[in-house]
PDB file of N, CA and C in Angstrom:
ATOM      1  N   MET A   1     -15.845 -25.941   2.419  1.00  0.00           N
ATOM      2  CA  MET A   1     -14.998 -26.487   1.375  1.00  0.00           C
ATOM      3  C   MET A   1     -14.076 -25.391   0.876  1.00  0.00           C
ATOM      4  N   ASN A   2     -12.824 -25.708   0.684  1.00  0.00           N
ATOM      5  CA  ASN A   2     -11.856 -24.747   0.174  1.00  0.00           C
ATOM      6  C   ASN A   2     -12.167 -24.449  -1.277  1.00  0.00           C
ATOM      7  N   SER A   3     -12.295 -23.166  -1.580  1.00  0.00           N
ATOM      8  CA  SER A   3     -12.686 -22.761  -2.923  1.00  0.00           C
ATOM      9  C   SER A   3     -11.591 -22.977  -3.948  1.00  0.00           C
ATOM     10  N   ILE A   4     -10.369 -23.148  -3.505  1.00  0.00           N
ATOM     11  CA  ILE A   4      -9.271 -23.344  -4.452  1.00  0.00           C
ATOM     12  C   ILE A   4      -9.073 -24.817  -4.771  1.00  0.00           C
ATOM     13  N   THR A   5      -9.022 -25.639  -3.752  1.00  0.00           N
ATOM     14  CA  THR A   5      -8.684 -27.049  -3.966  1.00  0.00           C
ATOM     15  C   THR A   5      -9.877 -27.983  -3.973  1.00  0.00           C
ATOM     16  N   GLY A   6     -11.038 -27.493  -3.507  1.00  0.00           N
ATOM     17  CA  GLY A   6     -12.184 -28.379  -3.376  1.00  0.00           C
ATOM     18  C   GLY A   6     -12.017 -29.331  -2.198  1.00  0.00           C
ATOM     19  N   ASP A   7     -11.038 -29.105  -1.366  1.00  0.00           N
ATOM     20  CA  ASP A   7     -10.705 -29.955  -0.229  1.00  0.00           C
ATOM     21  C   ASP A   7     -11.469 -29.468   1.003  1.00  0.00           C
ATOM     22  N   PHE A   8     -12.260 -30.345   1.601  1.00  0.00           N
ATOM     23  CA  PHE A   8     -13.030 -29.972   2.774  1.00  0.00           C
ATOM     24  C   PHE A   8     -12.148 -29.771   4.005  1.00  0.00           C
ATOM     25  N   ASN A   9     -10.936 -30.287   3.994  1.00  0.00           N
ATOM     26  CA  ASN A   9     -10.077 -30.216   5.174  1.00  0.00           C
ATOM     27  C   ASN A   9      -8.910 -29.254   5.015  1.00  0.00           C
ATOM     28  N   ARG A  10      -8.958 -28.383   4.028  1.00  0.00           N
ATOM     29  CA  ARG A  10      -7.874 -27.426   3.829  1.00  0.00           C
ATOM     30  C   ARG A  10      -8.429 -26.015   3.869  1.00  0.00           C
ATOM     31  N   ILE A  11      -7.789 -25.169   4.666  1.00  0.00           N
ATOM     32  CA  ILE A  11      -8.181 -23.773   4.793  1.00  0.00           C
ATOM     33  C   ILE A  11      -7.090 -22.924   4.164  1.00  0.00           C
ATOM     34  N   HIS A  12      -7.471 -22.070   3.222  1.00  0.00           N
ATOM     35  CA  HIS A  12      -6.512 -21.203   2.547  1.00  0.00           C
ATOM     36  C   HIS A  12      -6.554 -19.823   3.190  1.00  0.00           C
ATOM     37  N   VAL A  13      -5.399 -19.380   3.690  1.00  0.00           N
ATOM     38  CA  VAL A  13      -5.264 -18.081   4.348  1.00  0.00           C
ATOM     39  C   VAL A  13      -4.350 -17.207   3.504  1.00  0.00           C
ATOM     40  N   MET A  14      -4.809 -16.003   3.185  1.00  0.00           N
ATOM     41  CA  MET A  14      -3.973 -15.017   2.501  1.00  0.00           C
ATOM     42  C   MET A  14      -3.671 -13.910   3.502  1.00  0.00           C
ATOM     43  N   SER A  15      -2.388 -13.553   3.599  1.00  0.00           N
ATOM     44  CA  SER A  15      -1.990 -12.592   4.615  1.00  0.00           C
ATOM     45  C   SER A  15      -0.747 -11.836   4.187  1.00  0.00           C
ATOM     46  N   GLY A  16      -0.614 -10.651   4.733  1.00  0.00           N
ATOM     47  CA  GLY A  16       0.657  -9.959   4.646  1.00  0.00           C
ATOM     48  C   GLY A  16       1.647 -10.715   5.526  1.00  0.00           C
ATOM     49  N   GLY A  17       2.875 -10.289   5.542  1.00  0.00           N
ATOM     50  CA  GLY A  17       3.904 -11.034   6.260  1.00  0.00           C
ATOM     51  C   GLY A  17       3.966 -10.818   7.756  1.00  0.00           C
ATOM     52  N   ALA A  18       3.345  -9.774   8.276  1.00  0.00           N
ATOM     53  CA  ALA A  18       3.488  -9.448   9.701  1.00  0.00           C
ATOM     54  C   ALA A  18       3.143 -10.608  10.643  1.00  0.00           C
ATOM     55  N   PRO A  19       2.040 -11.324  10.441  1.00  0.00           N
ATOM     56  CA  PRO A  19       1.701 -12.397  11.388  1.00  0.00           C
ATOM     57  C   PRO A  19       2.329 -13.758  11.068  1.00  0.00           C
ATOM     58  N   LYS A  20       3.241 -13.804  10.133  1.00  0.00           N
ATOM     59  CA  LYS A  20       3.787 -15.082   9.664  1.00  0.00           C
ATOM     60  C   LYS A  20       4.380 -15.924  10.801  1.00  0.00           C
ATOM     61  N   GLU A  21       5.168 -15.316  11.679  1.00  0.00           N
ATOM     62  CA  GLU A  21       5.797 -16.080  12.770  1.00  0.00           C
ATOM     63  C   GLU A  21       4.760 -16.626  13.744  1.00  0.00           C
ATOM     64  N   VAL A  22       3.731 -15.844  14.021  1.00  0.00           N
ATOM     65  CA  VAL A  22       2.677 -16.303  14.930  1.00  0.00           C
ATOM     66  C   VAL A  22       1.920 -17.465  14.303  1.00  0.00           C
ATOM     67  N   PHE A  23       1.594 -17.340  13.018  1.00  0.00           N
ATOM     68  CA  PHE A  23       0.889 -18.426  12.337  1.00  0.00           C
ATOM     69  C   PHE A  23       1.734 -19.694  12.294  1.00  0.00           C
ATOM     70  N   ALA A  24       3.042 -19.539  12.143  1.00  0.00           N
ATOM     71  CA  ALA A  24       3.928 -20.709  12.121  1.00  0.00           C
ATOM     72  C   ALA A  24       3.868 -21.461  13.447  1.00  0.00           C
ATOM     73  N   LEU A  25       3.645 -20.749  14.528  1.00  0.00           N
ATOM     74  CA  LEU A  25       3.521 -21.388  15.842  1.00  0.00           C
ATOM     75  C   LEU A  25       2.131 -21.970  16.073  1.00  0.00           C
ATOM     76  N   LEU A  26       1.106 -21.256  15.611  1.00  0.00           N
ATOM     77  CA  LEU A  26      -0.266 -21.666  15.902  1.00  0.00           C
ATOM     78  C   LEU A  26      -0.831 -22.712  14.945  1.00  0.00           C
ATOM     79  N   ALA A  27      -0.453 -22.654  13.677  1.00  0.00           N
ATOM     80  CA  ALA A  27      -1.051 -23.537  12.669  1.00  0.00           C
ATOM     81  C   ALA A  27      -0.878 -25.026  12.985  1.00  0.00           C
ATOM     82  N   PRO A  28       0.317 -25.489  13.376  1.00  0.00           N
ATOM     83  CA  PRO A  28       0.448 -26.924  13.663  1.00  0.00           C
ATOM     84  C   PRO A  28      -0.490 -27.402  14.780  1.00  0.00           C
ATOM     85  N   LYS A  29      -0.646 -26.580  15.798  1.00  0.00           N
ATOM     86  CA  LYS A  29      -1.540 -26.961  16.900  1.00  0.00           C
ATOM     87  C   LYS A  29      -2.987 -26.992  16.410  1.00  0.00           C
ATOM     88  N   PHE A  30      -3.388 -25.984  15.622  1.00  0.00           N
ATOM     89  CA  PHE A  30      -4.728 -25.950  15.046  1.00  0.00           C
ATOM     90  C   PHE A  30      -4.966 -27.174  14.179  1.00  0.00           C
ATOM     91  N   GLU A  31      -3.996 -27.514  13.326  1.00  0.00           N
ATOM     92  CA  GLU A  31      -4.133 -28.673  12.442  1.00  0.00           C
ATOM     93  C   GLU A  31      -4.273 -29.958  13.235  1.00  0.00           C
ATOM     94  N   GLN A  32      -3.484 -30.082  14.294  1.00  0.00           N
ATOM     95  CA  GLN A  32      -3.537 -31.280  15.125  1.00  0.00           C
ATOM     96  C   GLN A  32      -4.879 -31.399  15.839  1.00  0.00           C
ATOM     97  N   GLN A  33      -5.389 -30.301  16.347  1.00  0.00           N
ATOM     98  CA  GLN A  33      -6.640 -30.325  17.109  1.00  0.00           C
ATOM     99  C   GLN A  33      -7.877 -30.498  16.234  1.00  0.00           C
ATOM    100  N   THR A  34      -7.828 -29.990  14.999  1.00  0.00           N
ATOM    101  CA  THR A  34      -9.034 -29.984  14.171  1.00  0.00           C
ATOM    102  C   THR A  34      -9.004 -30.983  13.021  1.00  0.00           C
ATOM    103  N   GLY A  35      -7.808 -31.426  12.635  1.00  0.00           N
ATOM    104  CA  GLY A  35      -7.693 -32.287  11.470  1.00  0.00           C
ATOM    105  C   GLY A  35      -7.711 -31.515  10.161  1.00  0.00           C
ATOM    106  N   ASN A  36      -7.858 -30.201  10.235  1.00  0.00           N
ATOM    107  CA  ASN A  36      -7.821 -29.348   9.049  1.00  0.00           C
ATOM    108  C   ASN A  36      -6.389 -28.917   8.767  1.00  0.00           C
ATOM    109  N   LYS A  37      -6.039 -28.833   7.513  1.00  0.00           N
ATOM    110  CA  LYS A  37      -4.726 -28.342   7.103  1.00  0.00           C
ATOM    111  C   LYS A  37      -4.875 -26.884   6.697  1.00  0.00           C
ATOM    112  N   VAL A  38      -3.836 -26.100   6.942  1.00  0.00           N
ATOM    113  CA  VAL A  38      -3.861 -24.690   6.590  1.00  0.00           C
ATOM    114  C   VAL A  38      -2.793 -24.423   5.542  1.00  0.00           C
ATOM    115  N   LYS A  39      -3.207 -23.774   4.450  1.00  0.00           N
ATOM    116  CA  LYS A  39      -2.283 -23.353   3.405  1.00  0.00           C
ATOM    117  C   LYS A  39      -2.209 -21.835   3.476  1.00  0.00           C
ATOM    118  N   PHE A  40      -0.999 -21.306   3.594  1.00  0.00           N
ATOM    119  CA  PHE A  40      -0.811 -19.863   3.694  1.00  0.00           C
ATOM    120  C   PHE A  40      -0.263 -19.309   2.390  1.00  0.00           C
ATOM    121  N   THR A  41      -0.764 -18.159   2.003  1.00  0.00           N
ATOM    122  CA  THR A  41      -0.197 -17.374   0.920  1.00  0.00           C
ATOM    123  C   THR A  41       0.192 -16.037   1.528  1.00  0.00           C
ATOM    124  N   TYR A  42       1.500 -15.761   1.572  1.00  0.00           N
ATOM    125  CA  TYR A  42       1.996 -14.504   2.114  1.00  0.00           C
ATOM    126  C   TYR A  42       2.502 -13.631   0.971  1.00  0.00           C
ATOM    127  N   ALA A  43       2.139 -12.368   1.006  1.00  0.00           N
ATOM    128  CA  ALA A  43       2.623 -11.414   0.005  1.00  0.00           C
ATOM    129  C   ALA A  43       2.444 -10.010   0.570  1.00  0.00           C
ATOM    130  N   VAL A  44       3.038  -9.047  -0.102  1.00  0.00           N
ATOM    131  CA  VAL A  44       2.817  -7.659   0.320  1.00  0.00           C
ATOM    132  C   VAL A  44       1.356  -7.322   0.052  1.00  0.00           C
ATOM    133  N   ILE A  45       0.831  -6.406   0.811  1.00  0.00           N
ATOM    134  CA  ILE A  45      -0.599  -6.094   0.774  1.00  0.00           C
ATOM    135  C   ILE A  45      -1.055  -5.681  -0.624  1.00  0.00           C
ATOM    136  N   THR A  46      -0.271  -4.871  -1.314  1.00  0.00           N
ATOM    137  CA  THR A  46      -0.693  -4.440  -2.659  1.00  0.00           C
ATOM    138  C   THR A  46      -0.816  -5.622  -3.610  1.00  0.00           C
ATOM    139  N   GLU A  47       0.071  -6.595  -3.483  1.00  0.00           N
ATOM    140  CA  GLU A  47      -0.008  -7.797  -4.334  1.00  0.00           C
ATOM    141  C   GLU A  47      -1.243  -8.627  -3.996  1.00  0.00           C
ATOM    142  N   LEU A  48      -1.525  -8.779  -2.709  1.00  0.00           N
ATOM    143  CA  LEU A  48      -2.715  -9.534  -2.309  1.00  0.00           C
ATOM    144  C   LEU A  48      -3.983  -8.838  -2.805  1.00  0.00           C
ATOM    145  N   ARG A  49      -4.025  -7.525  -2.674  1.00  0.00           N
ATOM    146  CA  ARG A  49      -5.193  -6.777  -3.150  1.00  0.00           C
ATOM    147  C   ARG A  49      -5.374  -6.974  -4.650  1.00  0.00           C
ATOM    148  N   GLU A  50      -4.265  -6.961  -5.377  1.00  0.00           N
ATOM    149  CA  GLU A  50      -4.302  -7.179  -6.826  1.00  0.00           C
ATOM    150  C   GLU A  50      -4.828  -8.582  -7.158  1.00  0.00           C
ATOM    151  N   GLN A  51      -4.301  -9.592  -6.452  1.00  0.00           N
ATOM    152  CA  GLN A  51      -4.738 -10.967  -6.691  1.00  0.00           C
ATOM    153  C   GLN A  51      -6.230 -11.117  -6.428  1.00  0.00           C
ATOM    154  N   LEU A  52      -6.697 -10.553  -5.326  1.00  0.00           N
ATOM    155  CA  LEU A  52      -8.115 -10.641  -4.980  1.00  0.00           C
ATOM    156  C   LEU A  52      -8.964  -9.880  -5.992  1.00  0.00           C
ATOM    157  N   GLY A  53      -8.442  -8.784  -6.488  1.00  0.00           N
ATOM    158  CA  GLY A  53      -9.163  -8.006  -7.482  1.00  0.00           C
ATOM    159  C   GLY A  53      -9.324  -8.719  -8.807  1.00  0.00           C
ATOM    160  N   THR A  54      -8.412  -9.652  -9.087  1.00  0.00           N
ATOM    161  CA  THR A  54      -8.484 -10.387 -10.353  1.00  0.00           C
ATOM    162  C   THR A  54      -9.053 -11.790 -10.191  1.00  0.00           C
ATOM    163  N   GLY A  55      -9.691 -12.035  -9.036  1.00  0.00           N
ATOM    164  CA  GLY A  55     -10.412 -13.293  -8.889  1.00  0.00           C
ATOM    165  C   GLY A  55      -9.824 -14.329  -7.954  1.00  0.00           C
ATOM    166  N   ALA A  56      -8.656 -14.083  -7.364  1.00  0.00           N
ATOM    167  CA  ALA A  56      -8.115 -15.039  -6.395  1.00  0.00           C
ATOM    168  C   ALA A  56      -9.066 -15.119  -5.206  1.00  0.00           C
ATOM    169  N   THR A  57      -9.113 -16.286  -4.588  1.00  0.00           N
ATOM    170  CA  THR A  57      -9.993 -16.470  -3.429  1.00  0.00           C
ATOM    171  C   THR A  57      -9.229 -17.103  -2.283  1.00  0.00           C
ATOM    172  N   ALA A  58      -9.770 -16.898  -1.097  1.00  0.00           N
ATOM    173  CA  ALA A  58      -9.204 -17.499   0.107  1.00  0.00           C
ATOM    174  C   ALA A  58     -10.345 -17.722   1.083  1.00  0.00           C
ATOM    175  N   ASP A  59     -10.121 -18.600   2.020  1.00  0.00           N
ATOM    176  CA  ASP A  59     -11.110 -18.840   3.063  1.00  0.00           C
ATOM    177  C   ASP A  59     -10.993 -17.802   4.172  1.00  0.00           C
ATOM    178  N   VAL A  60      -9.765 -17.330   4.401  1.00  0.00           N
ATOM    179  CA  VAL A  60      -9.495 -16.343   5.442  1.00  0.00           C
ATOM    180  C   VAL A  60      -8.537 -15.306   4.880  1.00  0.00           C
ATOM    181  N   LEU A  61      -8.850 -14.036   5.120  1.00  0.00           N
ATOM    182  CA  LEU A  61      -7.951 -12.948   4.752  1.00  0.00           C
ATOM    183  C   LEU A  61      -7.483 -12.267   6.033  1.00  0.00           C
ATOM    184  N   VAL A  62      -6.191 -12.058   6.149  1.00  0.00           N
ATOM    185  CA  VAL A  62      -5.634 -11.334   7.285  1.00  0.00           C
ATOM    186  C   VAL A  62      -4.970 -10.096   6.702  1.00  0.00           C
ATOM    187  N   LEU A  63      -5.718  -8.999   6.733  1.00  0.00           N
ATOM    188  CA  LEU A  63      -5.298  -7.763   6.077  1.00  0.00           C
ATOM    189  C   LEU A  63      -5.661  -6.571   6.948  1.00  0.00           C
ATOM    190  N   PRO A  64      -5.018  -5.441   6.715  1.00  0.00           N
ATOM    191  CA  PRO A  64      -5.371  -4.229   7.473  1.00  0.00           C
ATOM    192  C   PRO A  64      -6.825  -3.830   7.227  1.00  0.00           C
ATOM    193  N   THR A  65      -7.427  -3.238   8.228  1.00  0.00           N
ATOM    194  CA  THR A  65      -8.825  -2.827   8.169  1.00  0.00           C
ATOM    195  C   THR A  65      -9.155  -1.991   6.934  1.00  0.00           C
ATOM    196  N   PRO A  66      -8.352  -0.982   6.582  1.00  0.00           N
ATOM    197  CA  PRO A  66      -8.702  -0.199   5.390  1.00  0.00           C
ATOM    198  C   PRO A  66      -8.745  -1.036   4.103  1.00  0.00           C
ATOM    199  N   VAL A  67      -7.893  -2.032   4.009  1.00  0.00           N
ATOM    200  CA  VAL A  67      -7.890  -2.906   2.830  1.00  0.00           C
ATOM    201  C   VAL A  67      -9.159  -3.748   2.810  1.00  0.00           C
ATOM    202  N   LEU A  68      -9.524  -4.298   3.957  1.00  0.00           N
ATOM    203  CA  LEU A  68     -10.765  -5.086   4.031  1.00  0.00           C
ATOM    204  C   LEU A  68     -11.982  -4.213   3.736  1.00  0.00           C
ATOM    205  N   ASP A  69     -11.979  -2.962   4.231  1.00  0.00           N
ATOM    206  CA  ASP A  69     -13.084  -2.049   3.935  1.00  0.00           C
ATOM    207  C   ASP A  69     -13.198  -1.811   2.436  1.00  0.00           C
ATOM    208  N   SER A  70     -12.068  -1.618   1.782  1.00  0.00           N
ATOM    209  CA  SER A  70     -12.053  -1.386   0.329  1.00  0.00           C
ATOM    210  C   SER A  70     -12.555  -2.613  -0.423  1.00  0.00           C
ATOM    211  N   LEU A  71     -12.106  -3.800  -0.003  1.00  0.00           N
ATOM    212  CA  LEU A  71     -12.558  -5.037  -0.647  1.00  0.00           C
ATOM    213  C   LEU A  71     -14.050  -5.253  -0.439  1.00  0.00           C
ATOM    214  N   ALA A  72     -14.553  -4.905   0.731  1.00  0.00           N
ATOM    215  CA  ALA A  72     -15.984  -5.034   1.000  1.00  0.00           C
ATOM    216  C   ALA A  72     -16.771  -4.062   0.118  1.00  0.00           C
ATOM    217  N   LYS A  73     -16.267  -2.849   0.000  1.00  0.00           N
ATOM    218  CA  LYS A  73     -16.923  -1.842  -0.849  1.00  0.00           C
ATOM    219  C   LYS A  73     -16.996  -2.306  -2.296  1.00  0.00           C
ATOM    220  N   ASP A  74     -15.938  -3.012  -2.744  1.00  0.00           N
ATOM    221  CA  ASP A  74     -15.892  -3.529  -4.117  1.00  0.00           C
ATOM    222  C   ASP A  74     -16.643  -4.850  -4.277  1.00  0.00           C
ATOM    223  N   GLY A  75     -17.233  -5.357  -3.179  1.00  0.00           N
ATOM    224  CA  GLY A  75     -17.992  -6.599  -3.248  1.00  0.00           C
ATOM    225  C   GLY A  75     -17.129  -7.855  -3.284  1.00  0.00           C
ATOM    226  N   LYS A  76     -15.856  -7.746  -2.916  1.00  0.00           N
ATOM    227  CA  LYS A  76     -14.949  -8.900  -2.941  1.00  0.00           C
ATOM    228  C   LYS A  76     -15.005  -9.732  -1.661  1.00  0.00           C
ATOM    229  N   VAL A  77     -15.412  -9.104  -0.555  1.00  0.00           N
ATOM    230  CA  VAL A  77     -15.557  -9.817   0.718  1.00  0.00           C
ATOM    231  C   VAL A  77     -16.854  -9.361   1.376  1.00  0.00           C
ATOM    232  N   ARG A  78     -17.347 -10.167   2.300  1.00  0.00           N
ATOM    233  CA  ARG A  78     -18.541  -9.806   3.068  1.00  0.00           C
ATOM    234  C   ARG A  78     -18.135  -8.903   4.221  1.00  0.00           C
ATOM    235  N   ALA A  79     -18.717  -7.730   4.286  1.00  0.00           N
ATOM    236  CA  ALA A  79     -18.382  -6.767   5.337  1.00  0.00           C
ATOM    237  C   ALA A  79     -18.747  -7.288   6.721  1.00  0.00           C
ATOM    238  N   ASP A  80     -19.790  -8.109   6.821  1.00  0.00           N
ATOM    239  CA  ASP A  80     -20.255  -8.580   8.126  1.00  0.00           C
ATOM    240  C   ASP A  80     -19.474  -9.776   8.660  1.00  0.00           C
ATOM    241  N   SER A  81     -18.454 -10.206   7.939  1.00  0.00           N
ATOM    242  CA  SER A  81     -17.716 -11.395   8.378  1.00  0.00           C
ATOM    243  C   SER A  81     -16.373 -11.057   9.016  1.00  0.00           C
ATOM    244  N   ARG A  82     -16.081  -9.786   9.194  1.00  0.00           N
ATOM    245  CA  ARG A  82     -14.773  -9.367   9.698  1.00  0.00           C
ATOM    246  C   ARG A  82     -14.708  -9.417  11.216  1.00  0.00           C
ATOM    247  N   ALA A  83     -13.551  -9.837  11.716  1.00  0.00           N
ATOM    248  CA  ALA A  83     -13.271  -9.813  13.152  1.00  0.00           C
ATOM    249  C   ALA A  83     -11.831  -9.335  13.337  1.00  0.00           C
ATOM    250  N   THR A  84     -11.627  -8.493  14.318  1.00  0.00           N
ATOM    251  CA  THR A  84     -10.284  -8.008  14.624  1.00  0.00           C
ATOM    252  C   THR A  84      -9.678  -8.941  15.666  1.00  0.00           C
ATOM    253  N   PHE A  85      -8.480  -9.431  15.382  1.00  0.00           N
ATOM    254  CA  PHE A  85      -7.851 -10.319  16.364  1.00  0.00           C
ATOM    255  C   PHE A  85      -6.452  -9.887  16.739  1.00  0.00           C
ATOM    256  N   GLY A  86      -5.979  -8.777  16.238  1.00  0.00           N
ATOM    257  CA  GLY A  86      -4.652  -8.318  16.615  1.00  0.00           C
ATOM    258  C   GLY A  86      -4.328  -6.976  16.007  1.00  0.00           C
ATOM    259  N   THR A  87      -3.245  -6.436  16.467  1.00  0.00           N
ATOM    260  CA  THR A  87      -2.744  -5.184  15.925  1.00  0.00           C
ATOM    261  C   THR A  87      -1.259  -5.334  15.646  1.00  0.00           C
ATOM    262  N   VAL A  88      -0.765  -4.502  14.771  1.00  0.00           N
ATOM    263  CA  VAL A  88       0.658  -4.493  14.459  1.00  0.00           C
ATOM    264  C   VAL A  88       1.219  -3.158  14.916  1.00  0.00           C
ATOM    265  N   GLY A  89       2.237  -3.209  15.743  1.00  0.00           N
ATOM    266  CA  GLY A  89       2.866  -1.983  16.217  1.00  0.00           C
ATOM    267  C   GLY A  89       4.152  -1.709  15.466  1.00  0.00           C
ATOM    268  N   ILE A  90       4.440  -0.456  15.317  1.00  0.00           N
ATOM    269  CA  ILE A  90       5.675  -0.045  14.672  1.00  0.00           C
ATOM    270  C   ILE A  90       6.398   0.876  15.634  1.00  0.00           C
ATOM    271  N   SER A  91       7.683   0.671  15.791  1.00  0.00           N
ATOM    272  CA  SER A  91       8.476   1.502  16.677  1.00  0.00           C
ATOM    273  C   SER A  91       9.574   2.201  15.892  1.00  0.00           C
ATOM    274  N   ALA A  92       9.929   3.359  16.345  1.00  0.00           N
ATOM    275  CA  ALA A  92      11.051   4.094  15.760  1.00  0.00           C
ATOM    276  C   ALA A  92      11.999   4.453  16.894  1.00  0.00           C
ATOM    277  N   VAL A  93      13.263   4.363  16.628  1.00  0.00           N
ATOM    278  CA  VAL A  93      14.265   4.742  17.621  1.00  0.00           C
ATOM    279  C   VAL A  93      15.149   5.823  17.031  1.00  0.00           C
ATOM    280  N   VAL A  94      15.676   6.632  17.923  1.00  0.00           N
ATOM    281  CA  VAL A  94      16.548   7.724  17.525  1.00  0.00           C
ATOM    282  C   VAL A  94      17.874   7.537  18.248  1.00  0.00           C
ATOM    283  N   LYS A  95      18.931   7.764  17.521  1.00  0.00           N
ATOM    284  CA  LYS A  95      20.271   7.631  18.100  1.00  0.00           C
ATOM    285  C   LYS A  95      20.392   8.526  19.332  1.00  0.00           C
ATOM    286  N   GLU A  96      21.053   7.989  20.359  1.00  0.00           N
ATOM    287  CA  GLU A  96      21.226   8.735  21.596  1.00  0.00           C
ATOM    288  C   GLU A  96      21.868  10.092  21.301  1.00  0.00           C
ATOM    289  N   GLY A  97      21.267  11.125  21.864  1.00  0.00           N
ATOM    290  CA  GLY A  97      21.774  12.481  21.676  1.00  0.00           C
ATOM    291  C   GLY A  97      21.176  13.207  20.486  1.00  0.00           C
ATOM    292  N   ALA A  98      20.540  12.462  19.569  1.00  0.00           N
ATOM    293  CA  ALA A  98      19.928  13.091  18.396  1.00  0.00           C
ATOM    294  C   ALA A  98      18.587  13.704  18.807  1.00  0.00           C
ATOM    295  N   PRO A  99      18.173  14.775  18.153  1.00  0.00           N
ATOM    296  CA  PRO A  99      16.878  15.375  18.486  1.00  0.00           C
ATOM    297  C   PRO A  99      15.728  14.462  18.075  1.00  0.00           C
ATOM    298  N   ARG A 100      14.661  14.490  18.831  1.00  0.00           N
ATOM    299  CA  ARG A 100      13.471  13.702  18.503  1.00  0.00           C
ATOM    300  C   ARG A 100      12.786  14.316  17.296  1.00  0.00           C
ATOM    301  N   PRO A 101      12.501  13.511  16.299  1.00  0.00           N
ATOM    302  CA  PRO A 101      11.799  14.058  15.126  1.00  0.00           C
ATOM    303  C   PRO A 101      10.329  14.310  15.444  1.00  0.00           C
ATOM    304  N   ASP A 102       9.760  15.270  14.754  1.00  0.00           N
ATOM    305  CA  ASP A 102       8.326  15.556  14.889  1.00  0.00           C
ATOM    306  C   ASP A 102       7.584  14.591  13.969  1.00  0.00           C
ATOM    307  N   ILE A 103       6.838  13.674  14.554  1.00  0.00           N
ATOM    308  CA  ILE A 103       6.066  12.702  13.761  1.00  0.00           C
ATOM    309  C   ILE A 103       4.581  12.814  14.101  1.00  0.00           C
ATOM    310  N   SER A 104       4.152  14.033  14.398  1.00  0.00           N
ATOM    311  CA  SER A 104       2.778  14.264  14.859  1.00  0.00           C
ATOM    312  C   SER A 104       1.743  14.245  13.751  1.00  0.00           C
ATOM    313  N   SER A 105       2.165  14.241  12.499  1.00  0.00           N
ATOM    314  CA  SER A 105       1.226  14.138  11.387  1.00  0.00           C
ATOM    315  C   SER A 105       1.853  13.275  10.306  1.00  0.00           C
ATOM    316  N   LYS A 106       1.037  12.839   9.357  1.00  0.00           N
ATOM    317  CA  LYS A 106       1.539  12.015   8.265  1.00  0.00           C
ATOM    318  C   LYS A 106       2.627  12.757   7.487  1.00  0.00           C
ATOM    319  N   GLU A 107       2.405  14.024   7.214  1.00  0.00           N
ATOM    320  CA  GLU A 107       3.372  14.813   6.449  1.00  0.00           C
ATOM    321  C   GLU A 107       4.682  14.971   7.211  1.00  0.00           C
ATOM    322  N   LYS A 108       4.586  15.260   8.508  1.00  0.00           N
ATOM    323  CA  LYS A 108       5.790  15.435   9.324  1.00  0.00           C
ATOM    324  C   LYS A 108       6.540  14.118   9.490  1.00  0.00           C
ATOM    325  N   PHE A 109       5.794  13.018   9.586  1.00  0.00           N
ATOM    326  CA  PHE A 109       6.428  11.702   9.675  1.00  0.00           C
ATOM    327  C   PHE A 109       7.206  11.412   8.393  1.00  0.00           C
ATOM    328  N   ARG A 110       6.579  11.649   7.251  1.00  0.00           N
ATOM    329  CA  ARG A 110       7.263  11.423   5.971  1.00  0.00           C
ATOM    330  C   ARG A 110       8.510  12.288   5.844  1.00  0.00           C
ATOM    331  N   ALA A 111       8.392  13.543   6.249  1.00  0.00           N
ATOM    332  CA  ALA A 111       9.549  14.438   6.181  1.00  0.00           C
ATOM    333  C   ALA A 111      10.677  13.928   7.080  1.00  0.00           C
ATOM    334  N   ALA A 112      10.326  13.467   8.275  1.00  0.00           N
ATOM    335  CA  ALA A 112      11.340  12.935   9.197  1.00  0.00           C
ATOM    336  C   ALA A 112      11.988  11.680   8.641  1.00  0.00           C
ATOM    337  N   MET A 113      11.177  10.803   8.024  1.00  0.00           N
ATOM    338  CA  MET A 113      11.713   9.563   7.476  1.00  0.00           C
ATOM    339  C   MET A 113      12.616   9.822   6.264  1.00  0.00           C
ATOM    340  N   SER A 114      12.342  10.892   5.542  1.00  0.00           N
ATOM    341  CA  SER A 114      13.172  11.187   4.374  1.00  0.00           C
ATOM    342  C   SER A 114      14.596  11.570   4.781  1.00  0.00           C
ATOM    343  N   LEU A 115      14.767  11.937   6.046  1.00  0.00           N
ATOM    344  CA  LEU A 115      16.088  12.314   6.554  1.00  0.00           C
ATOM    345  C   LEU A 115      16.850  11.120   7.135  1.00  0.00           C
ATOM    346  N   CYS A 116      16.171   9.990   7.262  1.00  0.00           N
ATOM    347  CA  CYS A 116      16.758   8.809   7.905  1.00  0.00           C
ATOM    348  C   CYS A 116      17.505   7.929   6.911  1.00  0.00           C
ATOM    349  N   ARG A 117      18.357   7.124   7.474  1.00  0.00           N
ATOM    350  CA  ARG A 117      19.009   6.097   6.676  1.00  0.00           C
ATOM    351  C   ARG A 117      18.653   4.746   7.298  1.00  0.00           C
ATOM    352  N   VAL A 118      18.600   3.743   6.462  1.00  0.00           N
ATOM    353  CA  VAL A 118      18.255   2.397   6.916  1.00  0.00           C
ATOM    354  C   VAL A 118      19.517   1.720   7.426  1.00  0.00           C
ATOM    355  N   VAL A 119      19.402   1.149   8.617  1.00  0.00           N
ATOM    356  CA  VAL A 119      20.516   0.395   9.191  1.00  0.00           C
ATOM    357  C   VAL A 119      20.152  -1.075   9.163  1.00  0.00           C
ATOM    358  N   ARG A 120      20.994  -1.892   8.574  1.00  0.00           N
ATOM    359  CA  ARG A 120      20.701  -3.320   8.490  1.00  0.00           C
ATOM    360  C   ARG A 120      21.727  -4.116   9.223  1.00  0.00           C
TER     361      ARG A 120
END
């Protein structure tokens, strides 16, 4: 039973935005095959962590492992219920002819990013 609506046929998923496009493709097929409806709440991870910390609930959380570990430590989620089903990759490109930045550590990555400009 969904803890928010009391609806036995609705699953509430809270997630960051990264998997949104995949869920948009998969959810209709899941709903058709199972008869269950899926309600998604998408927000930045810090906002979701805040909501969960103040009592928000969901049937499924799709969050980075460190966030789930923290929530489990705080007793907000069951540690034994986690399953990994994907990864998110991040790529960086450098303008042709520009030197490759040193991103071998967190500090060096931050220093390199501070020199970059965002292109939209």
